[in-house]
Amino acid sequence: MDISDIATNDYIEVEAETRLGKVRSIFEDENPKGIIVTEAGQYEGVVTERQLIGSHIEDDTRVAALTEPAPKVDRTEDVRETARMLVEGGTKIAPVFEAGDLWGIVTEDAILEAVLDNLDALSVGDIYTENVVTIGEDDSMGTVINRLREHGISRLPVVDEDGFLTGVVTVHDIVDFVVRDISKTTRGDRRGEVERMLDLPVYDAMSSPVETVTVDDSVEDAVATMLDNDFSGLVVTPADDDRVVGGVLTKTDVLRALTYTEEERMDVQITNVDLLDALSREEVQERIEQVAEKYSDMRVHHAHVRLHKHKEKLRGTPLIQAQIRLRTNKGQMAGSGEGYGADNAFHVALDVLERNVLEEKGIERDEEYEGQLLRKLNEL
């Protein structure tokens, strides 16, 4: 299946000179997945809601300052390859070209709607993300924004003082909250109003109650729920207690699953692959395989590397956060780290991943030894 029937030429476009105040209003009024940015009629990139959560960005700033590149997709590209391009580009929308000219866009929602009937064979437990980042009800909105930026994510489960799930806060909630409140103030009041809002508790902006799923639910049902309610993800909880955060399932998790292959060699996806400098995709794959081989009983089904660039630099080299997550027959394994340049950050994360893999291997051996010892004692 290709995307010729999935892509659409119905999209929102703004010029690079457009003020961010207007762009914020477009997201509030029309809720697009992203907006195409052009300059003198030529495609420049896209802007998404996630890029608008910086409190220091004034409404008079040109949208060109936040525009980011997105993978260019051919109108007849394969659906699976398009899903991979969206995941690795870290975007929910990509421009579609035909004969070298911008034709339209393709979105993650359009892809998921097209493959929905084929998702009944997967369960949430097959593809969801464990060990998620959460936020407390009393934490400030400023803390929420920093945590979303730090981890490069778009949603946070909100928990009470006992650690139980009470809500969810998303990038969309924050942009909507800021635009709604700022529109009530005059231009002169804006800076003080933003500072006031950053001190407010997340409880004031979170969505509640929370739509949840369990690991046994089908991905088809979960995606249908997300599409029907315009959710970007769902919190995963145990079947017997929907107050406990066990993980999240996002649309990106589902897109990533669409790209899984049956090749003998480990499949590795790299989000924001353009940040790779000295490392090639093949080298990343080889080094992850070397770590995985240290635990012979562990079979890696899929590996995902996410690179996130911070504004901080050292002699011109940006600070990069690298996250590596393995989906294996022993559960999910992960490692993260930061460094100046993608090469350095990746190796820091790889070292953490190796320690976690070896620790898991040691735990399994301890459990085997404990079992052998108990069997011997029972024989006495």
Protein backbone atom coordinates (compact mmCIF):
# COMPACT_ATOMS: atom_id res chain seq x y z
CA MET A 1 0.00 0.00 0.00
CA ASP A 2 1.28 3.49 -0.86
CA ILE A 3 0.11 6.89 0.39
CA SER A 4 -1.44 8.16 -2.85
CA ASP A 5 -4.92 7.78 -1.32
CA ILE A 6 -3.85 8.81 2.20
CA ALA A 7 -2.08 12.09 1.52
CA THR A 8 -4.19 15.23 1.24
CA ASN A 9 -3.74 18.63 -0.35
CA ASP A 10 -6.00 20.13 2.30
CA TYR A 11 -3.52 21.70 4.70
CA ILE A 12 -2.69 24.95 6.48
CA GLU A 13 0.19 27.03 5.15
CA VAL A 14 1.77 30.23 6.50
CA GLU A 15 4.56 32.45 5.27
CA ALA A 16 7.88 32.48 7.16
CA GLU A 17 7.23 36.12 8.17
CA THR A 18 4.01 35.23 10.03
CA ARG A 19 3.91 36.20 13.71
CA LEU A 20 3.86 33.39 16.27
CA GLY A 21 0.85 35.01 17.93
CA LYS A 22 -1.16 34.25 14.79
CA VAL A 23 0.25 30.72 14.58
CA ARG A 24 -0.75 30.04 18.19
CA SER A 25 -4.27 31.19 17.37
CA ILE A 26 -4.41 28.84 14.36
CA PHE A 27 -3.50 25.87 16.57
CA GLU A 28 -6.15 26.91 19.09
CA ASP A 29 -8.92 27.43 16.52
CA GLU A 30 -8.21 24.62 14.02
CA ASN A 31 -6.08 22.11 15.97
CA PRO A 32 -3.89 20.96 13.04
CA LYS A 33 -1.17 18.33 13.53
CA GLY A 34 1.27 20.80 12.06
CA ILE A 35 1.51 23.80 9.75
CA ILE A 36 3.51 24.03 6.53
CA VAL A 37 5.85 27.06 6.39
CA THR A 38 6.80 28.58 3.04
CA GLU A 39 8.93 31.50 1.96
CA ALA A 40 8.28 33.22 -1.34
CA GLY A 41 6.08 30.26 -2.25
CA GLN A 42 8.80 27.66 -1.58
CA TYR A 43 8.55 24.98 1.11
CA GLU A 44 10.71 25.73 4.17
CA GLY A 45 9.58 23.26 6.83
CA VAL A 46 6.88 22.65 9.42
CA VAL A 47 5.93 24.03 12.81
CA THR A 48 4.11 21.97 15.44
CA GLU A 49 2.53 22.70 18.82
CA ARG A 50 5.50 21.24 20.67
CA GLN A 51 7.67 24.07 19.34
CA LEU A 52 5.32 26.68 20.81
CA ILE A 53 5.61 25.80 24.50
CA GLY A 54 8.61 28.05 25.16
CA SER A 55 7.47 30.79 27.52
CA HIS A 56 10.27 33.10 26.38
CA ILE A 57 9.11 33.14 22.76
CA GLU A 58 7.23 36.38 22.10
CA ASP A 59 4.16 36.64 19.89
CA ASP A 60 5.98 39.01 17.51
CA THR A 61 8.65 36.39 16.71
CA ARG A 62 8.62 35.22 13.08
CA VAL A 63 7.48 31.63 12.64
CA ALA A 64 10.66 31.03 10.63
CA ALA A 65 12.56 31.05 13.95
CA LEU A 66 10.80 27.83 15.03
CA THR A 67 10.44 26.13 11.65
CA GLU A 68 12.01 22.69 11.49
CA PRO A 69 12.65 20.40 8.54
CA ALA A 70 10.43 17.38 8.05
CA PRO A 71 11.06 14.35 5.85
CA LYS A 72 9.91 14.93 2.28
CA VAL A 73 7.64 12.13 1.13
CA ASP A 74 6.87 11.14 -2.45
CA ARG A 75 3.16 10.88 -3.18
CA THR A 76 3.47 7.18 -4.04
CA GLU A 77 5.77 6.25 -1.12
CA ASP A 78 5.08 2.97 0.69
CA VAL A 79 3.00 3.34 3.87
CA ARG A 80 5.51 1.45 6.04
CA GLU A 81 8.41 3.57 4.82
CA THR A 82 6.37 6.73 5.37
CA ALA A 83 5.66 5.61 8.95
CA ARG A 84 9.39 5.11 9.47
CA MET A 85 10.14 8.57 8.07
CA LEU A 86 7.65 10.19 10.47
CA VAL A 87 9.08 8.32 13.47
CA GLU A 88 12.70 9.06 12.58
CA GLY A 89 11.86 12.67 11.75
CA GLY A 90 10.15 13.08 15.13
CA THR A 91 7.11 14.62 13.47
CA LYS A 92 3.37 13.99 13.09
CA ILE A 93 3.16 15.61 9.67
CA ALA A 94 5.32 15.51 6.54
CA PRO A 95 5.13 17.37 3.22
CA VAL A 96 4.20 15.29 0.18
CA PHE A 97 5.85 16.08 -3.15
CA GLU A 98 4.84 15.16 -6.66
CA ALA A 99 7.18 15.76 -9.60
CA GLY A 100 9.35 17.89 -7.33
CA ASP A 101 6.57 20.24 -6.25
CA LEU A 102 4.78 20.46 -2.90
CA TRP A 103 1.46 18.64 -3.38
CA GLY A 104 0.12 18.28 0.15
CA ILE A 105 0.76 16.55 3.45
CA VAL A 106 0.50 13.17 5.12
CA THR A 107 -0.22 12.82 8.83
CA GLU A 108 0.18 10.05 11.37
CA ASP A 109 -3.60 10.00 11.83
CA ALA A 110 -4.18 9.37 8.13
CA ILE A 111 -1.79 6.42 8.19
CA LEU A 112 -3.33 4.94 11.34
CA GLU A 113 -6.86 5.26 9.93
CA ALA A 114 -5.74 3.46 6.76
CA VAL A 115 -4.23 0.48 8.61
CA LEU A 116 -6.68 0.34 11.54
CA ASP A 117 -8.30 -2.95 10.49
CA ASN A 118 -4.88 -4.63 10.39
CA LEU A 119 -4.01 -3.77 14.01
CA ASP A 120 -6.27 -6.34 15.68
CA ALA A 121 -3.44 -8.90 15.70
CA LEU A 122 -1.38 -6.73 18.07
CA SER A 123 -2.00 -6.25 21.78
CA VAL A 124 -1.04 -3.11 23.69
CA GLY A 125 1.52 -5.18 25.62
CA ASP A 126 3.38 -5.88 22.36
CA ILE A 127 4.30 -2.28 21.64
CA TYR A 128 3.64 0.09 24.56
CA THR A 129 6.38 2.05 26.35
CA GLU A 130 7.19 1.18 29.96
CA ASN A 131 8.95 3.28 32.63
CA VAL A 132 7.35 6.57 31.62
CA VAL A 133 8.02 10.03 33.03
CA THR A 134 5.28 11.40 35.31
CA ILE A 135 4.53 14.72 37.02
CA GLY A 136 2.91 15.53 40.37
CA GLU A 137 -0.39 17.38 40.74
CA ASP A 138 1.29 20.16 42.70
CA ASP A 139 4.25 20.61 40.36
CA SER A 140 4.26 23.93 38.51
CA MET A 141 3.48 24.48 34.85
CA GLY A 142 7.07 25.64 34.47
CA THR A 143 8.24 22.23 35.69
CA VAL A 144 5.89 20.54 33.21
CA ILE A 145 7.31 22.52 30.29
CA ASN A 146 10.89 21.76 31.34
CA ARG A 147 10.16 18.05 31.72
CA LEU A 148 8.49 17.84 28.32
CA ARG A 149 11.46 19.60 26.73
CA GLU A 150 14.04 17.60 28.64
CA HIS A 151 12.61 14.25 27.57
CA GLY A 152 11.37 15.31 24.15
CA ILE A 153 7.85 14.00 24.82
CA SER A 154 4.36 15.40 24.28
CA ARG A 155 2.41 14.12 27.32
CA LEU A 156 2.87 13.41 31.03
CA PRO A 157 0.66 11.27 33.30
CA VAL A 158 -0.19 13.27 36.44
CA VAL A 159 -0.05 11.48 39.81
CA ASP A 160 -1.12 12.46 43.33
CA GLU A 161 1.01 12.32 46.46
CA ASP A 162 0.43 8.55 46.69
CA GLY A 163 1.63 8.00 43.14
CA PHE A 164 -1.85 7.23 41.76
CA LEU A 165 -2.98 8.47 38.35
CA THR A 166 -5.27 11.50 38.46
CA GLY A 167 -4.83 13.16 35.06
CA VAL A 168 -2.75 13.79 31.97
CA VAL A 169 -1.14 17.00 30.73
CA THR A 170 -0.11 17.36 27.08
CA VAL A 171 1.59 19.92 24.87
CA HIS A 172 -1.84 20.77 23.47
CA ASP A 173 -3.16 21.43 27.00
CA ILE A 174 -0.28 23.81 27.67
CA VAL A 175 -0.60 25.75 24.40
CA ASP A 176 -4.37 25.98 24.86
CA PHE A 177 -3.93 27.08 28.49
CA VAL A 178 -1.39 29.78 27.60
CA VAL A 179 -3.29 31.14 24.58
CA ARG A 180 -6.59 31.19 26.46
CA ASP A 181 -5.20 33.10 29.43
CA ILE A 182 -2.93 35.44 27.50
CA SER A 183 -5.85 36.51 25.30
CA LYS A 184 -7.48 37.96 28.43
CA THR A 185 -4.60 40.35 29.10
CA THR A 186 -3.27 43.44 27.41
CA ARG A 187 0.03 43.50 25.57
CA GLY A 188 1.76 45.24 28.46
CA ASP A 189 0.66 42.60 30.96
CA ARG A 190 1.90 39.61 28.95
CA ARG A 191 5.29 38.94 30.54
CA GLY A 192 3.99 39.12 34.09
CA GLU A 193 1.00 36.99 33.16
CA VAL A 194 3.27 34.28 31.69
CA GLU A 195 5.38 34.22 34.84
CA ARG A 196 2.22 33.89 36.94
CA MET A 197 1.00 30.97 34.85
CA LEU A 198 4.34 29.16 35.09
CA ASP A 199 3.88 29.10 38.86
CA LEU A 200 0.39 27.58 38.71
CA PRO A 201 0.03 23.88 39.57
CA VAL A 202 -0.39 21.33 36.78
CA TYR A 203 -3.74 20.46 38.36
CA ASP A 204 -5.16 23.63 36.77
CA ALA A 205 -4.34 22.52 33.20
CA MET A 206 -4.45 18.71 33.25
CA SER A 207 -7.18 16.62 31.64
CA SER A 208 -9.18 14.36 33.94
CA PRO A 209 -10.52 11.67 34.13
CA VAL A 210 -7.94 9.70 32.14
CA GLU A 211 -8.69 7.29 29.31
CA THR A 212 -6.70 4.12 30.02
CA VAL A 213 -5.98 0.76 28.40
CA THR A 214 -4.44 -2.49 29.62
CA VAL A 215 -1.68 -4.59 28.09
CA ASP A 216 -4.27 -7.17 26.99
CA ASP A 217 -6.38 -4.71 24.99
CA SER A 218 -6.01 -4.80 21.21
CA VAL A 219 -4.04 -2.06 19.48
CA GLU A 220 -6.95 -1.68 17.04
CA ASP A 221 -9.30 -0.71 19.88
CA ALA A 222 -6.71 1.56 21.48
CA VAL A 223 -6.00 3.40 18.22
CA ALA A 224 -9.73 3.74 17.52
CA THR A 225 -10.12 5.38 20.93
CA MET A 226 -7.25 7.77 20.19
CA LEU A 227 -8.62 8.71 16.77
CA ASP A 228 -12.20 9.15 18.01
CA ASN A 229 -11.11 11.44 20.86
CA ASP A 230 -8.12 13.11 19.16
CA PHE A 231 -5.75 11.73 21.81
CA SER A 232 -2.07 11.35 20.96
CA GLY A 233 -1.67 8.57 23.53
CA LEU A 234 -3.27 6.53 26.32
CA VAL A 235 -2.02 5.59 29.77
CA VAL A 236 -1.50 1.85 30.24
CA THR A 237 -2.61 0.47 33.63
CA PRO A 238 -3.03 -2.98 35.20
CA ALA A 239 -6.41 -4.60 34.48
CA ASP A 240 -7.26 -4.65 38.18
CA ASP A 241 -6.26 -1.08 39.09
CA ASP A 242 -6.60 1.85 36.69
CA ARG A 243 -4.90 4.16 39.21
CA VAL A 244 -1.43 2.67 38.64
CA VAL A 245 0.69 4.01 35.77
CA GLY A 246 2.26 1.05 33.99
CA GLY A 247 3.28 2.83 30.79
CA VAL A 248 1.88 4.71 27.82
CA LEU A 249 0.80 3.81 24.32
CA THR A 250 1.20 6.61 21.79
CA LYS A 251 0.44 6.94 18.13
CA THR A 252 4.20 7.02 17.56
CA ASP A 253 4.51 3.61 19.26
CA VAL A 254 1.98 2.25 16.75
CA LEU A 255 3.72 3.85 13.76
CA ARG A 256 6.99 2.35 14.97
CA ALA A 257 5.39 -1.09 15.12
CA LEU A 258 4.27 -0.73 11.49
CA THR A 259 7.91 -0.59 10.44
CA TYR A 260 9.03 -3.76 12.24
CA THR A 261 10.62 -6.23 9.86
CA GLU A 262 11.36 -9.95 9.89
CA GLU A 263 14.95 -9.45 8.81
CA GLU A 264 17.53 -11.52 10.67
CA ARG A 265 19.46 -8.44 11.66
CA MET A 266 18.16 -6.20 14.45
CA ASP A 267 15.87 -3.43 13.22
CA VAL A 268 16.95 -0.02 14.56
CA GLN A 269 15.02 3.21 14.26
CA ILE A 270 16.65 6.56 14.97
CA THR A 271 14.44 9.55 15.76
CA ASN A 272 16.02 12.84 14.63
CA VAL A 273 18.52 10.86 12.57
CA ASP A 274 19.76 14.10 11.02
CA LEU A 275 21.61 14.84 14.30
CA LEU A 276 24.02 11.96 13.71
CA ASP A 277 27.42 13.41 12.88
CA ALA A 278 30.40 11.05 13.11
CA LEU A 279 28.29 7.90 13.48
CA SER A 280 26.55 6.06 10.66
CA ARG A 281 23.30 4.13 11.07
CA GLU A 282 25.26 0.89 10.54
CA GLU A 283 27.69 1.74 13.35
CA VAL A 284 24.81 2.51 15.72
CA GLN A 285 23.26 -0.84 14.86
CA GLU A 286 26.53 -2.76 15.33
CA ARG A 287 27.25 -1.24 18.74
CA ILE A 288 23.78 -1.98 20.06
CA GLU A 289 24.12 -5.57 18.81
CA GLN A 290 27.45 -5.90 20.65
CA VAL A 291 25.77 -4.92 23.92
CA ALA A 292 22.82 -7.25 23.31
CA GLU A 293 25.15 -10.19 22.64
CA LYS A 294 26.49 -9.95 26.20
CA TYR A 295 23.18 -11.47 27.34
CA SER A 296 22.94 -14.56 25.20
CA ASP A 297 19.44 -15.52 26.36
CA MET A 298 18.06 -12.11 25.40
CA ARG A 299 16.65 -11.69 21.90
CA VAL A 300 16.12 -8.13 20.73
CA HIS A 301 13.00 -7.68 18.64
CA HIS A 302 13.49 -3.99 17.97
CA ALA A 303 15.74 -1.09 18.99
CA HIS A 304 14.87 2.60 19.05
CA VAL A 305 17.37 5.44 19.44
CA ARG A 306 16.11 8.95 20.08
CA LEU A 307 18.35 12.00 19.77
CA HIS A 308 17.27 15.36 21.18
CA LYS A 309 19.23 18.60 20.75
CA HIS A 310 19.43 21.14 23.58
CA LYS A 311 20.26 24.81 23.03
CA GLU A 312 23.42 24.61 25.14
CA LYS A 313 26.66 24.39 23.15
CA LEU A 314 30.36 23.86 23.80
CA ARG A 315 32.66 25.43 21.21
CA GLY A 316 29.84 25.25 18.69
CA THR A 317 28.86 21.63 19.42
CA PRO A 318 25.29 21.22 20.77
CA LEU A 319 24.42 19.26 23.90
CA ILE A 320 22.58 16.12 22.79
CA GLN A 321 20.43 13.75 24.81
CA ALA A 322 20.42 10.15 23.56
CA GLN A 323 17.90 7.51 24.61
CA ILE A 324 18.19 3.85 23.62
CA ARG A 325 15.29 1.47 24.17
CA LEU A 326 15.33 -2.24 23.37
CA ARG A 327 12.22 -4.38 23.08
CA THR A 328 13.29 -7.91 23.97
CA ASN A 329 11.99 -11.30 25.08
CA LYS A 330 13.16 -10.28 28.59
CA GLY A 331 11.12 -7.06 28.59
CA GLN A 332 12.19 -3.53 27.75
CA MET A 333 15.77 -2.42 28.35
CA ALA A 334 16.82 1.22 28.20
CA GLY A 335 19.73 3.59 28.67
CA SER A 336 20.03 7.37 28.32
CA GLY A 337 22.76 9.96 28.54
CA GLU A 338 23.90 13.40 27.42
CA GLY A 339 27.02 14.66 25.71
CA TYR A 340 28.25 17.32 23.33
CA GLY A 341 27.59 15.89 19.88
CA ALA A 342 25.51 12.85 18.99
CA ASP A 343 28.52 10.49 19.00
CA ASN A 344 29.40 11.32 22.61
CA ALA A 345 25.78 11.24 23.81
CA PHE A 346 25.14 7.90 22.13
CA HIS A 347 28.14 6.28 23.81
CA VAL A 348 27.11 7.57 27.24
CA ALA A 349 23.62 6.12 26.71
CA LEU A 350 25.13 2.88 25.40
CA ASP A 351 27.23 2.50 28.56
CA VAL A 352 24.11 2.90 30.70
CA LEU A 353 22.24 0.39 28.52
CA GLU A 354 25.09 -2.12 28.88
CA ARG A 355 25.04 -1.81 32.68
CA ASN A 356 21.28 -2.34 32.71
CA VAL A 357 21.52 -5.37 30.41
CA LEU A 358 24.25 -6.96 32.53
CA GLU A 359 22.31 -6.20 35.72
CA GLU A 360 19.24 -7.96 34.28
CA LYS A 361 21.44 -10.89 33.28
CA GLY A 362 22.79 -11.06 36.83
CA ILE A 363 19.28 -10.96 38.33
CA GLU A 364 18.20 -13.87 36.14
CA ARG A 365 21.25 -15.88 37.20
CA ASP A 366 20.52 -15.13 40.85
CA GLU A 367 16.95 -16.33 40.38
CA GLU A 368 18.17 -19.51 38.68
CA TYR A 369 20.60 -20.14 41.54
CA GLU A 370 17.88 -19.51 44.10
CA GLY A 371 15.64 -22.01 42.34
CA GLN A 372 18.38 -24.65 42.23
CA LEU A 373 19.11 -24.12 45.93
CA LEU A 374 15.44 -24.48 46.88
CA ARG A 375 15.13 -27.68 44.88
CA LYS A 376 18.17 -29.12 46.65
CA LEU A 377 16.77 -28.14 50.08
CA ASN A 378 13.47 -29.79 49.26
CA GLU A 379 15.33 -33.00 48.46
CA LEU A 380 16.86 -33.16 51.96
